[in-house]
PDB file of N, CA and C in Angstrom:
ATOM      1  N   TYR A   1     206.731  82.747  64.525  1.00  0.00           N
ATOM      2  CA  TYR A   1     208.181  82.665  64.404  1.00  0.00           C
ATOM      3  C   TYR A   1     208.641  83.563  63.269  1.00  0.00           C
ATOM      4  N   ASP A   2     209.624  84.385  63.563  1.00  0.00           N
ATOM      5  CA  ASP A   2     210.225  85.259  62.555  1.00  0.00           C
ATOM      6  C   ASP A   2     211.695  84.882  62.458  1.00  0.00           C
ATOM      7  N   GLU A   3     212.079  84.242  61.374  1.00  0.00           N
ATOM      8  CA  GLU A   3     213.458  83.741  61.242  1.00  0.00           C
ATOM      9  C   GLU A   3     214.501  84.851  61.258  1.00  0.00           C
ATOM     10  N   LYS A   4     214.088  86.091  60.993  1.00  0.00           N
ATOM     11  CA  LYS A   4     215.021  87.212  61.034  1.00  0.00           C
ATOM     12  C   LYS A   4     215.210  87.748  62.454  1.00  0.00           C
ATOM     13  N   CYS A   5     214.360  87.323  63.377  1.00  0.00           N
ATOM     14  CA  CYS A   5     214.377  87.828  64.760  1.00  0.00           C
ATOM     15  C   CYS A   5     215.315  86.970  65.610  1.00  0.00           C
ATOM     16  N   VAL A   6     216.341  87.603  66.154  1.00  0.00           N
ATOM     17  CA  VAL A   6     217.316  86.859  66.959  1.00  0.00           C
ATOM     18  C   VAL A   6     216.668  86.251  68.203  1.00  0.00           C
ATOM     19  N   PHE A   7     215.685  86.912  68.805  1.00  0.00           N
ATOM     20  CA  PHE A   7     215.047  86.341  69.993  1.00  0.00           C
ATOM     21  C   PHE A   7     214.193  85.127  69.630  1.00  0.00           C
ATOM     22  N   CYS A   8     213.579  85.122  68.452  1.00  0.00           N
ATOM     23  CA  CYS A   8     212.854  83.924  67.999  1.00  0.00           C
ATOM     24  C   CYS A   8     213.833  82.761  67.829  1.00  0.00           C
ATOM     25  N   ARG A   9     214.991  83.050  67.243  1.00  0.00           N
ATOM     26  CA  ARG A   9     215.989  81.989  67.039  1.00  0.00           C
ATOM     27  C   ARG A   9     216.539  81.490  68.375  1.00  0.00           C
ATOM     28  N   ILE A  10     216.765  82.403  69.324  1.00  0.00           N
ATOM     29  CA  ILE A  10     217.229  81.988  70.652  1.00  0.00           C
ATOM     30  C   ILE A  10     216.172  81.097  71.309  1.00  0.00           C
ATOM     31  N   ALA A  11     214.908  81.509  71.241  1.00  0.00           N
ATOM     32  CA  ALA A  11     213.824  80.750  71.870  1.00  0.00           C
ATOM     33  C   ALA A  11     213.703  79.344  71.291  1.00  0.00           C
ATOM     34  N   ARG A  12     214.085  79.193  70.024  1.00  0.00           N
ATOM     35  CA  ARG A  12     214.029  77.872  69.365  1.00  0.00           C
ATOM     36  C   ARG A  12     215.365  77.131  69.453  1.00  0.00           C
ATOM     37  N   ARG A  13     216.262  77.679  70.268  1.00  0.00           N
ATOM     38  CA  ARG A  13     217.586  77.076  70.481  1.00  0.00           C
ATOM     39  C   ARG A  13     218.391  76.978  69.181  1.00  0.00           C
ATOM     40  N   GLU A  14     218.235  77.974  68.327  1.00  0.00           N
ATOM     41  CA  GLU A  14     218.960  78.008  67.058  1.00  0.00           C
ATOM     42  C   GLU A  14     220.176  78.927  67.108  1.00  0.00           C
ATOM     43  N   GLU A  15     220.430  79.532  68.288  1.00  0.00           N
ATOM     44  CA  GLU A  15     221.592  80.405  68.476  1.00  0.00           C
ATOM     45  C   GLU A  15     222.509  79.726  69.491  1.00  0.00           C
ATOM     46  N   PRO A  16     223.493  78.936  69.015  1.00  0.00           N
ATOM     47  CA  PRO A  16     224.310  78.150  69.943  1.00  0.00           C
ATOM     48  C   PRO A  16     225.113  78.985  70.937  1.00  0.00           C
ATOM     49  N   GLY A  17     225.346  80.257  70.664  1.00  0.00           N
ATOM     50  CA  GLY A  17     226.114  81.091  71.571  1.00  0.00           C
ATOM     51  C   GLY A  17     225.331  81.600  72.765  1.00  0.00           C
ATOM     52  N   THR A  18     224.026  81.351  72.806  1.00  0.00           N
ATOM     53  CA  THR A  18     223.189  81.848  73.900  1.00  0.00           C
ATOM     54  C   THR A  18     222.649  80.683  74.708  1.00  0.00           C
ATOM     55  N   ALA A  19     223.068  80.621  75.955  1.00  0.00           N
ATOM     56  CA  ALA A  19     222.589  79.563  76.856  1.00  0.00           C
ATOM     57  C   ALA A  19     221.277  79.993  77.496  1.00  0.00           C
ATOM     58  N   LEU A  20     220.285  79.126  77.425  1.00  0.00           N
ATOM     59  CA  LEU A  20     219.011  79.397  78.088  1.00  0.00           C
ATOM     60  C   LEU A  20     219.116  78.980  79.545  1.00  0.00           C
ATOM     61  N   LEU A  21     218.544  79.792  80.407  1.00  0.00           N
ATOM     62  CA  LEU A  21     218.517  79.497  81.834  1.00  0.00           C
ATOM     63  C   LEU A  21     217.268  78.680  82.144  1.00  0.00           C
ATOM     64  N   PRO A  22     217.315  77.858  83.186  1.00  0.00           N
ATOM     65  CA  PRO A  22     216.128  77.068  83.528  1.00  0.00           C
ATOM     66  C   PRO A  22     214.909  77.972  83.733  1.00  0.00           C
ATOM     67  N   CYS A  23     213.821  77.594  83.088  1.00  0.00           N
ATOM     68  CA  CYS A  23     212.592  78.385  83.126  1.00  0.00           C
ATOM     69  C   CYS A  23     211.429  77.417  83.253  1.00  0.00           C
ATOM     70  N   GLU A  24     210.572  77.650  84.219  1.00  0.00           N
ATOM     71  CA  GLU A  24     209.469  76.722  84.474  1.00  0.00           C
ATOM     72  C   GLU A  24     208.211  77.047  83.674  1.00  0.00           C
ATOM     73  N   ASP A  25     208.305  77.965  82.744  1.00  0.00           N
ATOM     74  CA  ASP A  25     207.161  78.328  81.908  1.00  0.00           C
ATOM     75  C   ASP A  25     207.514  77.978  80.465  1.00  0.00           C
ATOM     76  N   GLU A  26     206.796  77.038  79.894  1.00  0.00           N
ATOM     77  CA  GLU A  26     207.136  76.561  78.552  1.00  0.00           C
ATOM     78  C   GLU A  26     206.909  77.606  77.457  1.00  0.00           C
ATOM     79  N   ASP A  27     206.166  78.666  77.756  1.00  0.00           N
ATOM     80  CA  ASP A  27     205.905  79.712  76.764  1.00  0.00           C
ATOM     81  C   ASP A  27     206.924  80.839  76.825  1.00  0.00           C
ATOM     82  N   LEU A  28     207.877  80.744  77.773  1.00  0.00           N
ATOM     83  CA  LEU A  28     208.878  81.799  77.960  1.00  0.00           C
ATOM     84  C   LEU A  28     210.276  81.192  77.999  1.00  0.00           C
ATOM     85  N   VAL A  29     211.256  81.993  77.605  1.00  0.00           N
ATOM     86  CA  VAL A  29     212.662  81.621  77.791  1.00  0.00           C
ATOM     87  C   VAL A  29     213.356  82.765  78.517  1.00  0.00           C
ATOM     88  N   CYS A  30     214.481  82.433  79.136  1.00  0.00           N
ATOM     89  CA  CYS A  30     215.248  83.430  79.861  1.00  0.00           C
ATOM     90  C   CYS A  30     216.725  83.212  79.572  1.00  0.00           C
ATOM     91  N   PHE A  31     217.453  84.310  79.388  1.00  0.00           N
ATOM     92  CA  PHE A  31     218.889  84.227  79.139  1.00  0.00           C
ATOM     93  C   PHE A  31     219.541  85.513  79.603  1.00  0.00           C
ATOM     94  N   ARG A  32     220.863  85.473  79.722  1.00  0.00           N
ATOM     95  CA  ARG A  32     221.613  86.642  80.170  1.00  0.00           C
ATOM     96  C   ARG A  32     221.675  87.685  79.056  1.00  0.00           C
ATOM     97  N   ASP A  33     221.605  88.948  79.451  1.00  0.00           N
ATOM     98  CA  ASP A  33     221.757  90.053  78.500  1.00  0.00           C
ATOM     99  C   ASP A  33     223.219  90.104  78.063  1.00  0.00           C
ATOM    100  N   ILE A  34     223.460  90.343  76.766  1.00  0.00           N
ATOM    101  CA  ILE A  34     224.848  90.361  76.279  1.00  0.00           C
ATOM    102  C   ILE A  34     225.595  91.619  76.695  1.00  0.00           C
ATOM    103  N   LYS A  35     224.864  92.662  77.099  1.00  0.00           N
ATOM    104  CA  LYS A  35     225.481  93.889  77.610  1.00  0.00           C
ATOM    105  C   LYS A  35     224.886  94.189  78.979  1.00  0.00           C
ATOM    106  N   PRO A  36     225.314  93.430  79.999  1.00  0.00           N
ATOM    107  CA  PRO A  36     224.668  93.566  81.312  1.00  0.00           C
ATOM    108  C   PRO A  36     224.823  94.955  81.919  1.00  0.00           C
ATOM    109  N   GLY A  37     223.714  95.438  82.459  1.00  0.00           N
ATOM    110  CA  GLY A  37     223.697  96.735  83.132  1.00  0.00           C
ATOM    111  C   GLY A  37     223.793  96.606  84.636  1.00  0.00           C
ATOM    112  N   ALA A  38     223.810  95.354  85.129  1.00  0.00           N
ATOM    113  CA  ALA A  38     223.890  95.073  86.564  1.00  0.00           C
ATOM    114  C   ALA A  38     224.526  93.693  86.722  1.00  0.00           C
ATOM    115  N   PRO A  39     224.981  93.352  87.935  1.00  0.00           N
ATOM    116  CA  PRO A  39     225.561  92.027  88.135  1.00  0.00           C
ATOM    117  C   PRO A  39     224.643  90.883  87.671  1.00  0.00           C
ATOM    118  N   HIS A  40     223.354  91.038  87.881  1.00  0.00           N
ATOM    119  CA  HIS A  40     222.367  90.090  87.340  1.00  0.00           C
ATOM    120  C   HIS A  40     221.543  90.866  86.318  1.00  0.00           C
ATOM    121  N   HIS A  41     221.609  90.473  85.065  1.00  0.00           N
ATOM    122  CA  HIS A  41     220.816  91.127  84.024  1.00  0.00           C
ATOM    123  C   HIS A  41     220.341  90.038  83.069  1.00  0.00           C
ATOM    124  N   TYR A  42     219.048  89.752  83.157  1.00  0.00           N
ATOM    125  CA  TYR A  42     218.446  88.693  82.357  1.00  0.00           C
ATOM    126  C   TYR A  42     217.341  89.274  81.481  1.00  0.00           C
ATOM    127  N   LEU A  43     217.057  88.564  80.404  1.00  0.00           N
ATOM    128  CA  LEU A  43     215.934  88.909  79.541  1.00  0.00           C
ATOM    129  C   LEU A  43     214.951  87.750  79.589  1.00  0.00           C
ATOM    130  N   VAL A  44     213.683  88.073  79.783  1.00  0.00           N
ATOM    131  CA  VAL A  44     212.615  87.078  79.738  1.00  0.00           C
ATOM    132  C   VAL A  44     211.818  87.370  78.476  1.00  0.00           C
ATOM    133  N   VAL A  45     211.698  86.338  77.627  1.00  0.00           N
ATOM    134  CA  VAL A  45     211.186  86.522  76.274  1.00  0.00           C
ATOM    135  C   VAL A  45     210.121  85.468  75.970  1.00  0.00           C
ATOM    136  N   PRO A  46     208.978  85.877  75.400  1.00  0.00           N
ATOM    137  CA  PRO A  46     208.003  84.873  74.957  1.00  0.00           C
ATOM    138  C   PRO A  46     208.580  84.046  73.808  1.00  0.00           C
ATOM    139  N   VAL A  47     208.307  82.750  73.810  1.00  0.00           N
ATOM    140  CA  VAL A  47     208.754  81.894  72.715  1.00  0.00           C
ATOM    141  C   VAL A  47     208.066  82.322  71.426  1.00  0.00           C
ATOM    142  N   LYS A  48     206.784  82.620  71.518  1.00  0.00           N
ATOM    143  CA  LYS A  48     206.019  83.077  70.359  1.00  0.00           C
ATOM    144  C   LYS A  48     206.403  84.522  70.054  1.00  0.00           C
ATOM    145  N   HIS A  49     206.641  84.826  68.781  1.00  0.00           N
ATOM    146  CA  HIS A  49     207.034  86.186  68.418  1.00  0.00           C
ATOM    147  C   HIS A  49     205.907  87.158  68.744  1.00  0.00           C
ATOM    148  N   MET A  50     206.273  88.188  69.483  1.00  0.00           N
ATOM    149  CA  MET A  50     205.349  89.285  69.793  1.00  0.00           C
ATOM    150  C   MET A  50     206.092  90.576  69.514  1.00  0.00           C
ATOM    151  N   GLY A  51     205.363  91.583  69.155  1.00  0.00           N
ATOM    152  CA  GLY A  51     205.976  92.888  68.941  1.00  0.00           C
ATOM    153  C   GLY A  51     206.472  93.467  70.260  1.00  0.00           C
ATOM    154  N   ASN A  52     206.915  94.700  70.221  1.00  0.00           N
ATOM    155  CA  ASN A  52     207.456  95.354  71.423  1.00  0.00           C
ATOM    156  C   ASN A  52     206.336  95.681  72.423  1.00  0.00           C
ATOM    157  N   CYS A  53     206.691  96.335  73.496  1.00  0.00           N
ATOM    158  CA  CYS A  53     205.728  96.594  74.572  1.00  0.00           C
ATOM    159  C   CYS A  53     204.571  97.495  74.146  1.00  0.00           C
ATOM    160  N   LYS A  54     204.736  98.243  73.060  1.00  0.00           N
ATOM    161  CA  LYS A  54     203.632  99.084  72.575  1.00  0.00           C
ATOM    162  C   LYS A  54     202.461  98.251  72.073  1.00  0.00           C
ATOM    163  N   THR A  55     202.714  96.994  71.735  1.00  0.00           N
ATOM    164  CA  THR A  55     201.642  96.135  71.217  1.00  0.00           C
ATOM    165  C   THR A  55     200.864  95.442  72.332  1.00  0.00           C
ATOM    166  N   LEU A  56     201.289  95.630  73.584  1.00  0.00           N
ATOM    167  CA  LEU A  56     200.593  94.980  74.699  1.00  0.00           C
ATOM    168  C   LEU A  56     199.194  95.554  74.885  1.00  0.00           C
ATOM    169  N   LYS A  57     198.267  94.658  75.216  1.00  0.00           N
ATOM    170  CA  LYS A  57     196.865  95.025  75.456  1.00  0.00           C
ATOM    171  C   LYS A  57     196.469  94.472  76.826  1.00  0.00           C
ATOM    172  N   PRO A  58     195.322  94.870  77.346  1.00  0.00           N
ATOM    173  CA  PRO A  58     194.907  94.366  78.668  1.00  0.00           C
ATOM    174  C   PRO A  58     194.933  92.835  78.774  1.00  0.00           C
ATOM    175  N   GLU A  59     194.641  92.138  77.692  1.00  0.00           N
ATOM    176  CA  GLU A  59     194.645  90.673  77.767  1.00  0.00           C
ATOM    177  C   GLU A  59     196.053  90.086  77.912  1.00  0.00           C
ATOM    178  N   HIS A  60     197.082  90.912  77.769  1.00  0.00           N
ATOM    179  CA  HIS A  60     198.458  90.449  77.939  1.00  0.00           C
ATOM    180  C   HIS A  60     198.958  90.592  79.382  1.00  0.00           C
ATOM    181  N   ILE A  61     198.131  91.128  80.272  1.00  0.00           N
ATOM    182  CA  ILE A  61     198.553  91.313  81.671  1.00  0.00           C
ATOM    183  C   ILE A  61     199.017  89.990  82.297  1.00  0.00           C
ATOM    184  N   PRO A  62     198.288  88.871  82.110  1.00  0.00           N
ATOM    185  CA  PRO A  62     198.776  87.607  82.686  1.00  0.00           C
ATOM    186  C   PRO A  62     200.151  87.203  82.138  1.00  0.00           C
ATOM    187  N   LEU A  63     200.408  87.459  80.866  1.00  0.00           N
ATOM    188  CA  LEU A  63     201.704  87.146  80.278  1.00  0.00           C
ATOM    189  C   LEU A  63     202.809  87.971  80.947  1.00  0.00           C
ATOM    190  N   VAL A  64     202.590  89.270  81.100  1.00  0.00           N
ATOM    191  CA  VAL A  64     203.599  90.133  81.717  1.00  0.00           C
ATOM    192  C   VAL A  64     203.831  89.706  83.164  1.00  0.00           C
ATOM    193  N   LYS A  65     202.775  89.340  83.874  1.00  0.00           N
ATOM    194  CA  LYS A  65     202.939  88.857  85.252  1.00  0.00           C
ATOM    195  C   LYS A  65     203.775  87.584  85.283  1.00  0.00           C
ATOM    196  N   ARG A  66     203.530  86.670  84.336  1.00  0.00           N
ATOM    197  CA  ARG A  66     204.330  85.433  84.270  1.00  0.00           C
ATOM    198  C   ARG A  66     205.781  85.758  83.941  1.00  0.00           C
ATOM    199  N   MET A  67     206.005  86.725  83.060  1.00  0.00           N
ATOM    200  CA  MET A  67     207.377  87.135  82.726  1.00  0.00           C
ATOM    201  C   MET A  67     208.088  87.640  83.985  1.00  0.00           C
ATOM    202  N   MET A  68     207.385  88.419  84.789  1.00  0.00           N
ATOM    203  CA  MET A  68     207.975  88.936  86.026  1.00  0.00           C
ATOM    204  C   MET A  68     208.259  87.803  87.011  1.00  0.00           C
ATOM    205  N   GLU A  69     207.353  86.856  87.123  1.00  0.00           N
ATOM    206  CA  GLU A  69     207.561  85.722  88.032  1.00  0.00           C
ATOM    207  C   GLU A  69     208.767  84.896  87.596  1.00  0.00           C
ATOM    208  N   VAL A  70     208.917  84.684  86.299  1.00  0.00           N
ATOM    209  CA  VAL A  70     210.083  83.953  85.792  1.00  0.00           C
ATOM    210  C   VAL A  70     211.355  84.733  86.127  1.00  0.00           C
ATOM    211  N   GLY A  71     211.322  86.053  85.949  1.00  0.00           N
ATOM    212  CA  GLY A  71     212.480  86.879  86.276  1.00  0.00           C
ATOM    213  C   GLY A  71     212.872  86.745  87.740  1.00  0.00           C
ATOM    214  N   LYS A  72     211.898  86.796  88.631  1.00  0.00           N
ATOM    215  CA  LYS A  72     212.167  86.647  90.068  1.00  0.00           C
ATOM    216  C   LYS A  72     212.722  85.261  90.377  1.00  0.00           C
ATOM    217  N   ALA A  73     212.152  84.226  89.758  1.00  0.00           N
ATOM    218  CA  ALA A  73     212.607  82.852  90.003  1.00  0.00           C
ATOM    219  C   ALA A  73     214.051  82.667  89.530  1.00  0.00           C
ATOM    220  N   VAL A  74     214.393  83.240  88.391  1.00  0.00           N
ATOM    221  CA  VAL A  74     215.759  83.120  87.886  1.00  0.00           C
ATOM    222  C   VAL A  74     216.731  83.844  88.820  1.00  0.00           C
ATOM    223  N   LEU A  75     216.343  84.997  89.315  1.00  0.00           N
ATOM    224  CA  LEU A  75     217.196  85.694  90.285  1.00  0.00           C
ATOM    225  C   LEU A  75     217.441  84.815  91.508  1.00  0.00           C
ATOM    226  N   GLN A  76     216.382  84.239  92.028  1.00  0.00           N
ATOM    227  CA  GLN A  76     216.507  83.415  93.232  1.00  0.00           C
ATOM    228  C   GLN A  76     217.369  82.175  92.968  1.00  0.00           C
ATOM    229  N   LYS A  77     217.225  81.572  91.782  1.00  0.00           N
ATOM    230  CA  LYS A  77     218.047  80.412  91.435  1.00  0.00           C
ATOM    231  C   LYS A  77     219.516  80.796  91.283  1.00  0.00           C
ATOM    232  N   ASN A  78     219.775  82.070  91.054  1.00  0.00           N
ATOM    233  CA  ASN A  78     221.142  82.562  90.917  1.00  0.00           C
ATOM    234  C   ASN A  78     221.596  83.299  92.179  1.00  0.00           C
ATOM    235  N   ASN A  79     221.018  82.871  93.312  1.00  0.00           N
ATOM    236  CA  ASN A  79     221.431  83.337  94.643  1.00  0.00           C
ATOM    237  C   ASN A  79     221.243  84.828  94.875  1.00  0.00           C
ATOM    238  N   PHE A  80     220.223  85.400  94.260  1.00  0.00           N
ATOM    239  CA  PHE A  80     219.872  86.789  94.562  1.00  0.00           C
ATOM    240  C   PHE A  80     218.488  86.768  95.180  1.00  0.00           C
ATOM    241  N   SER A  81     218.393  87.187  96.441  1.00  0.00           N
ATOM    242  CA  SER A  81     217.125  87.040  97.152  1.00  0.00           C
ATOM    243  C   SER A  81     216.445  88.344  97.534  1.00  0.00           C
ATOM    244  N   ASP A  82     217.128  89.498  97.409  1.00  0.00           N
ATOM    245  CA  ASP A  82     216.527  90.767  97.810  1.00  0.00           C
ATOM    246  C   ASP A  82     215.648  91.313  96.682  1.00  0.00           C
ATOM    247  N   LEU A  83     214.418  90.845  96.623  1.00  0.00           N
ATOM    248  CA  LEU A  83     213.527  91.228  95.528  1.00  0.00           C
ATOM    249  C   LEU A  83     213.042  92.666  95.637  1.00  0.00           C
ATOM    250  N   ASN A  84     213.452  93.377  96.697  1.00  0.00           N
ATOM    251  CA  ASN A  84     213.163  94.810  96.794  1.00  0.00           C
ATOM    252  C   ASN A  84     214.222  95.642  96.076  1.00  0.00           C
ATOM    253  N   ASP A  85     215.294  94.994  95.616  1.00  0.00           N
ATOM    254  CA  ASP A  85     216.393  95.686  94.944  1.00  0.00           C
ATOM    255  C   ASP A  85     216.512  95.198  93.498  1.00  0.00           C
ATOM    256  N   VAL A  86     215.369  95.140  92.831  1.00  0.00           N
ATOM    257  CA  VAL A  86     215.283  94.634  91.460  1.00  0.00           C
ATOM    258  C   VAL A  86     214.607  95.678  90.586  1.00  0.00           C
ATOM    259  N   ARG A  87     215.062  95.811  89.368  1.00  0.00           N
ATOM    260  CA  ARG A  87     214.376  96.663  88.395  1.00  0.00           C
ATOM    261  C   ARG A  87     213.970  95.784  87.224  1.00  0.00           C
ATOM    262  N   MET A  88     212.689  95.861  86.854  1.00  0.00           N
ATOM    263  CA  MET A  88     212.175  95.128  85.700  1.00  0.00           C
ATOM    264  C   MET A  88     211.434  96.105  84.809  1.00  0.00           C
ATOM    265  N   GLY A  89     211.592  95.939  83.510  1.00  0.00           N
ATOM    266  CA  GLY A  89     210.872  96.808  82.604  1.00  0.00           C
ATOM    267  C   GLY A  89     211.178  96.544  81.147  1.00  0.00           C
ATOM    268  N   PHE A  90     210.541  97.366  80.321  1.00  0.00           N
ATOM    269  CA  PHE A  90     210.647  97.268  78.863  1.00  0.00           C
ATOM    270  C   PHE A  90     211.163  98.597  78.305  1.00  0.00           C
ATOM    271  N   HIS A  91     212.000  98.513  77.282  1.00  0.00           N
ATOM    272  CA  HIS A  91     212.369  99.737  76.571  1.00  0.00           C
ATOM    273  C   HIS A  91     211.222 100.121  75.643  1.00  0.00           C
ATOM    274  N   TRP A  92     210.898 101.404  75.643  1.00  0.00           N
ATOM    275  CA  TRP A  92     209.795 101.939  74.856  1.00  0.00           C
ATOM    276  C   TRP A  92     210.302 102.295  73.463  1.00  0.00           C
ATOM    277  N   PRO A  93     209.605 101.867  72.416  1.00  0.00           N
ATOM    278  CA  PRO A  93     210.031 102.230  71.059  1.00  0.00           C
ATOM    279  C   PRO A  93     210.113 103.732  70.899  1.00  0.00           C
ATOM    280  N   PRO A  94     211.077 104.232  70.186  1.00  0.00           N
ATOM    281  CA  PRO A  94     212.054 103.525  69.340  1.00  0.00           C
ATOM    282  C   PRO A  94     213.320 103.135  70.080  1.00  0.00           C
ATOM    283  N   PHE A  95     213.291 103.056  71.390  1.00  0.00           N
ATOM    284  CA  PHE A  95     214.500 102.799  72.171  1.00  0.00           C
ATOM    285  C   PHE A  95     214.748 101.320  72.451  1.00  0.00           C
ATOM    286  N   CYS A  96     214.042 100.427  71.764  1.00  0.00           N
ATOM    287  CA  CYS A  96     214.321  99.000  71.934  1.00  0.00           C
ATOM    288  C   CYS A  96     215.043  98.499  70.681  1.00  0.00           C
ATOM    289  N   SER A  97     216.105  97.772  70.906  1.00  0.00           N
ATOM    290  CA  SER A  97     216.951  97.350  69.787  1.00  0.00           C
ATOM    291  C   SER A  97     216.396  96.128  69.065  1.00  0.00           C
ATOM    292  N   ILE A  98     215.556  95.343  69.723  1.00  0.00           N
ATOM    293  CA  ILE A  98     214.979  94.135  69.127  1.00  0.00           C
ATOM    294  C   ILE A  98     213.462  94.240  69.228  1.00  0.00           C
ATOM    295  N   ALA A  99     212.782  94.067  68.110  1.00  0.00           N
ATOM    296  CA  ALA A  99     211.327  94.225  68.063  1.00  0.00           C
ATOM    297  C   ALA A  99     210.608  92.921  68.420  1.00  0.00           C
ATOM    298  N   HIS A 100     211.040  92.299  69.485  1.00  0.00           N
ATOM    299  CA  HIS A 100     210.388  91.106  70.044  1.00  0.00           C
ATOM    300  C   HIS A 100     210.280  91.393  71.534  1.00  0.00           C
ATOM    301  N   LEU A 101     209.095  91.272  72.077  1.00  0.00           N
ATOM    302  CA  LEU A 101     208.857  91.611  73.477  1.00  0.00           C
ATOM    303  C   LEU A 101     209.906  90.953  74.373  1.00  0.00           C
ATOM    304  N   HIS A 102     210.529  91.742  75.239  1.00  0.00           N
ATOM    305  CA  HIS A 102     211.498  91.190  76.192  1.00  0.00           C
ATOM    306  C   HIS A 102     211.527  92.055  77.442  1.00  0.00           C
ATOM    307  N   LEU A 103     211.464  91.376  78.578  1.00  0.00           N
ATOM    308  CA  LEU A 103     211.491  92.028  79.882  1.00  0.00           C
ATOM    309  C   LEU A 103     212.917  92.025  80.405  1.00  0.00           C
ATOM    310  N   HIS A 104     213.429  93.211  80.738  1.00  0.00           N
ATOM    311  CA  HIS A 104     214.738  93.315  81.380  1.00  0.00           C
ATOM    312  C   HIS A 104     214.563  93.075  82.868  1.00  0.00           C
ATOM    313  N   VAL A 105     215.424  92.223  83.430  1.00  0.00           N
ATOM    314  CA  VAL A 105     215.428  91.932  84.865  1.00  0.00           C
ATOM    315  C   VAL A 105     216.838  92.271  85.350  1.00  0.00           C
ATOM    316  N   LEU A 106     216.952  93.326  86.162  1.00  0.00           N
ATOM    317  CA  LEU A 106     218.259  93.795  86.629  1.00  0.00           C
ATOM    318  C   LEU A 106     218.324  93.775  88.148  1.00  0.00           C
ATOM    319  N   ALA A 107     219.450  93.274  88.672  1.00  0.00           N
ATOM    320  CA  ALA A 107     219.625  93.244  90.125  1.00  0.00           C
ATOM    321  C   ALA A 107     221.122  93.146  90.454  1.00  0.00           C
ATOM    322  N   PRO A 108     221.532  93.705  91.553  1.00  0.00           N
ATOM    323  CA  PRO A 108     220.778  94.632  92.387  1.00  0.00           C
ATOM    324  C   PRO A 108     220.657  95.995  91.707  1.00  0.00           C
ATOM    325  N   ALA A 109     219.475  96.549  91.750  1.00  0.00           N
ATOM    326  CA  ALA A 109     219.237  97.858  91.125  1.00  0.00           C
ATOM    327  C   ALA A 109     220.092  98.932  91.786  1.00  0.00           C
ATOM    328  N   SER A 110     220.419  98.742  93.052  1.00  0.00           N
ATOM    329  CA  SER A 110     221.249  99.716  93.763  1.00  0.00           C
ATOM    330  C   SER A 110     222.684  99.755  93.237  1.00  0.00           C
ATOM    331  N   GLN A 111     223.063  98.767  92.439  1.00  0.00           N
ATOM    332  CA  GLN A 111     224.424  98.722  91.896  1.00  0.00           C
ATOM    333  C   GLN A 111     224.485  99.053  90.407  1.00  0.00           C
ATOM    334  N   LEU A 112     223.401  99.604  89.871  1.00  0.00           N
ATOM    335  CA  LEU A 112     223.442 100.021  88.473  1.00  0.00           C
ATOM    336  C   LEU A 112     224.499 101.116  88.326  1.00  0.00           C
ATOM    337  N   GLY A 113     225.305 101.010  87.274  1.00  0.00           N
ATOM    338  CA  GLY A 113     226.303 102.043  87.003  1.00  0.00           C
ATOM    339  C   GLY A 113     225.645 103.318  86.506  1.00  0.00           C
ATOM    340  N   PHE A 114     226.451 104.345  86.319  1.00  0.00           N
ATOM    341  CA  PHE A 114     225.934 105.650  85.913  1.00  0.00           C
ATOM    342  C   PHE A 114     225.104 105.558  84.626  1.00  0.00           C
ATOM    343  N   LEU A 115     225.661 104.957  83.576  1.00  0.00           N
ATOM    344  CA  LEU A 115     224.923 104.865  82.309  1.00  0.00           C
ATOM    345  C   LEU A 115     223.700 103.962  82.434  1.00  0.00           C
ATOM    346  N   SER A 116     223.830 102.877  83.182  1.00  0.00           N
ATOM    347  CA  SER A 116     222.689 101.971  83.362  1.00  0.00           C
ATOM    348  C   SER A 116     221.555 102.639  84.125  1.00  0.00           C
ATOM    349  N   ARG A 117     221.902 103.513  85.094  1.00  0.00           N
ATOM    350  CA  ARG A 117     220.846 104.237  85.815  1.00  0.00           C
ATOM    351  C   ARG A 117     220.071 105.135  84.866  1.00  0.00           C
ATOM    352  N   ILE A 118     220.713 105.653  83.836  1.00  0.00           N
ATOM    353  CA  ILE A 118     220.020 106.473  82.837  1.00  0.00           C
ATOM    354  C   ILE A 118     219.237 105.575  81.884  1.00  0.00           C
ATOM    355  N   TYR A 119     219.909 104.557  81.386  1.00  0.00           N
ATOM    356  CA  TYR A 119     219.327 103.676  80.374  1.00  0.00           C
ATOM    357  C   TYR A 119     218.117 102.909  80.901  1.00  0.00           C
ATOM    358  N   TYR A 120     218.147 102.557  82.184  1.00  0.00           N
ATOM    359  CA  TYR A 120     217.059 101.792  82.797  1.00  0.00           C
ATOM    360  C   TYR A 120     216.335 102.618  83.857  1.00  0.00           C
ATOM    361  N   ARG A 121     216.216 103.919  83.615  1.00  0.00           N
ATOM    362  CA  ARG A 121     215.567 104.817  84.573  1.00  0.00           C
ATOM    363  C   ARG A 121     214.070 104.514  84.660  1.00  0.00           C
ATOM    364  N   ILE A 122     213.576 104.454  85.873  1.00  0.00           N
ATOM    365  CA  ILE A 122     212.180 104.081  86.118  1.00  0.00           C
ATOM    366  C   ILE A 122     211.231 105.052  85.411  1.00  0.00           C
ATOM    367  N   ASN A 123     210.316 104.468  84.636  1.00  0.00           N
ATOM    368  CA  ASN A 123     209.251 105.196  83.947  1.00  0.00           C
ATOM    369  C   ASN A 123     209.717 106.473  83.252  1.00  0.00           C
ATOM    370  N   SER A 124     210.808 106.319  82.497  1.00  0.00           N
ATOM    371  CA  SER A 124     211.304 107.423  81.690  1.00  0.00           C
ATOM    372  C   SER A 124     210.633 107.378  80.317  1.00  0.00           C
ATOM    373  N   TYR A 125     211.051 108.241  79.430  1.00  0.00           N
ATOM    374  CA  TYR A 125     210.505 108.214  78.065  1.00  0.00           C
ATOM    375  C   TYR A 125     210.915 106.957  77.323  1.00  0.00           C
ATOM    376  N   TRP A 126     211.967 106.311  77.784  1.00  0.00           N
ATOM    377  CA  TRP A 126     212.528 105.167  77.044  1.00  0.00           C
ATOM    378  C   TRP A 126     212.444 103.834  77.775  1.00  0.00           C
ATOM    379  N   PHE A 127     212.085 103.829  79.061  1.00  0.00           N
ATOM    380  CA  PHE A 127     212.036 102.570  79.824  1.00  0.00           C
ATOM    381  C   PHE A 127     210.853 102.609  80.768  1.00  0.00           C
ATOM    382  N   ILE A 128     209.945 101.633  80.606  1.00  0.00           N
ATOM    383  CA  ILE A 128     208.760 101.593  81.467  1.00  0.00           C
ATOM    384  C   ILE A 128     208.839 100.376  82.388  1.00  0.00           C
ATOM    385  N   THR A 129     208.487 100.607  83.638  1.00  0.00           N
ATOM    386  CA  THR A 129     208.539  99.514  84.609  1.00  0.00           C
ATOM    387  C   THR A 129     207.133  99.057  84.954  1.00  0.00           C
TER     388      THR A 129
END
């Protein structure tokens, strides 16, 4: 836990302005992005403080898979079922604003606006899917 990290505080329910969405994984939380790039834009975040995606190692593959499953489940609970029209990924440092691992879940990807298509471009220098 890093008390200076806003995502750590959100995960511990210490940020009253951020509503957590139902999540069936006790090690993860999910909430809406404050600057949505698509009609559905959620962040899936480990409760335990982790660095950005550059700190991921092969042993973190199960965690990333669980993050993706939570993202898909939240989309489905929010009446979005076309999982072929979803973009998920991480901003690559130094292009991530918060140094706590967080997966962006955006849908429908086909409705990303002009800036969002750049900002969340598949496997760019700044966003990895």
